[in-house]
Amino acid sequence: MRTKREYKKGAKNSEYDAYHGTAKQKKRRAARNKAARKMKCPKGKEAHHKDKNPKNNKRSNLRCITKKKNRKMQPKRK
């Protein structure tokens, strides 16, 4: 029998908080947001880092591409 999964933000033992609340994930999200603000990509597109380094937010390293294409190009995480 499966146990009920808890996704609600702030709930006790929430999977959301376990993943999104980590310091590492907060830094990744902050870098993505910074790149998106810098590029001003239209709706449905997001900033792509040409050199695959999410910490390099130089304008020359960024371009706007579709979310689907960006997800295909990203390396697999461990």
Protein backbone atom coordinates (compact mmCIF):
# COMPACT_ATOMS: atom_id res chain seq x y z
CA MET A 1 0.00 0.00 0.00
CA ARG A 2 1.30 3.43 -0.96
CA THR A 3 1.75 6.20 1.54
CA LYS A 4 0.18 9.54 0.75
CA ARG A 5 2.71 11.99 -0.68
CA GLU A 6 2.72 15.50 0.77
CA TYR A 7 3.51 18.31 -1.65
CA LYS A 8 2.02 21.29 0.17
CA LYS A 9 4.49 24.03 0.96
CA GLY A 10 5.13 24.25 4.69
CA ALA A 11 3.45 20.93 5.54
CA LYS A 12 5.24 18.58 7.92
CA ASN A 13 7.75 16.38 6.03
CA SER A 14 6.78 18.02 2.74
CA GLU A 15 8.60 16.84 -0.39
CA TYR A 16 8.32 20.42 -1.65
CA ASP A 17 10.26 21.82 1.30
CA ALA A 18 12.75 18.94 1.22
CA TYR A 19 13.73 19.81 -2.37
CA HIS A 20 12.96 23.49 -2.89
CA GLY A 21 14.10 24.53 0.54
CA THR A 22 17.70 23.37 0.26
CA ALA A 23 20.41 26.00 0.05
CA LYS A 24 21.77 24.47 -3.17
CA GLN A 25 18.38 24.65 -4.88
CA LYS A 26 17.78 28.23 -3.71
CA LYS A 27 21.08 29.30 -5.29
CA ARG A 28 20.16 27.56 -8.57
CA ARG A 29 16.76 29.23 -8.63
CA ALA A 30 18.30 32.64 -7.88
CA ALA A 31 20.75 32.24 -10.78
CA ARG A 32 17.93 31.24 -13.17
CA ASN A 33 15.83 34.22 -12.09
CA LYS A 34 18.75 36.60 -12.53
CA ALA A 35 19.39 35.33 -16.07
CA ALA A 36 15.70 35.61 -16.97
CA ARG A 37 15.53 39.21 -15.72
CA LYS A 38 18.64 40.13 -17.65
CA MET A 39 17.40 38.63 -20.95
CA LYS A 40 13.72 39.67 -20.72
CA CYS A 41 12.66 36.54 -22.62
CA PRO A 42 9.11 36.47 -24.02
CA LYS A 43 6.43 34.17 -22.58
CA GLY A 44 7.14 30.49 -23.22
CA LYS A 45 10.89 31.01 -23.53
CA GLU A 46 13.67 31.06 -20.99
CA ALA A 47 17.33 32.01 -20.74
CA HIS A 48 19.82 29.39 -21.92
CA HIS A 49 23.48 29.45 -20.86
CA LYS A 50 25.60 28.79 -23.95
CA ASP A 51 28.57 27.51 -21.95
CA LYS A 52 26.28 25.36 -19.73
CA ASN A 53 27.48 27.19 -16.60
CA PRO A 54 24.39 28.52 -14.77
CA LYS A 55 26.53 30.86 -12.67
CA ASN A 56 27.86 32.69 -15.75
CA ASN A 57 25.13 35.26 -16.34
CA LYS A 58 27.02 37.48 -18.78
CA ARG A 59 24.69 38.70 -21.52
CA SER A 60 27.06 37.30 -24.18
CA ASN A 61 26.58 33.83 -22.65
CA LEU A 62 22.76 33.93 -22.63
CA ARG A 63 20.08 33.48 -25.27
CA CYS A 64 16.31 32.97 -25.24
CA ILE A 65 15.07 29.55 -26.33
CA THR A 66 11.90 27.52 -25.74
CA LYS A 67 11.54 25.67 -22.46
CA LYS A 68 11.29 22.32 -24.27
CA LYS A 69 14.55 22.88 -26.18
CA ASN A 70 16.31 24.09 -23.04
CA ARG A 71 15.28 20.99 -21.06
CA LYS A 72 16.65 18.70 -23.81
CA MET A 73 20.02 20.48 -23.79
CA GLN A 74 20.54 20.36 -20.01
CA PRO A 75 22.86 17.71 -18.59
CA LYS A 76 21.37 14.90 -16.53
CA ARG A 77 21.64 15.47 -12.78
CA LYS A 78 22.84 12.84 -10.36
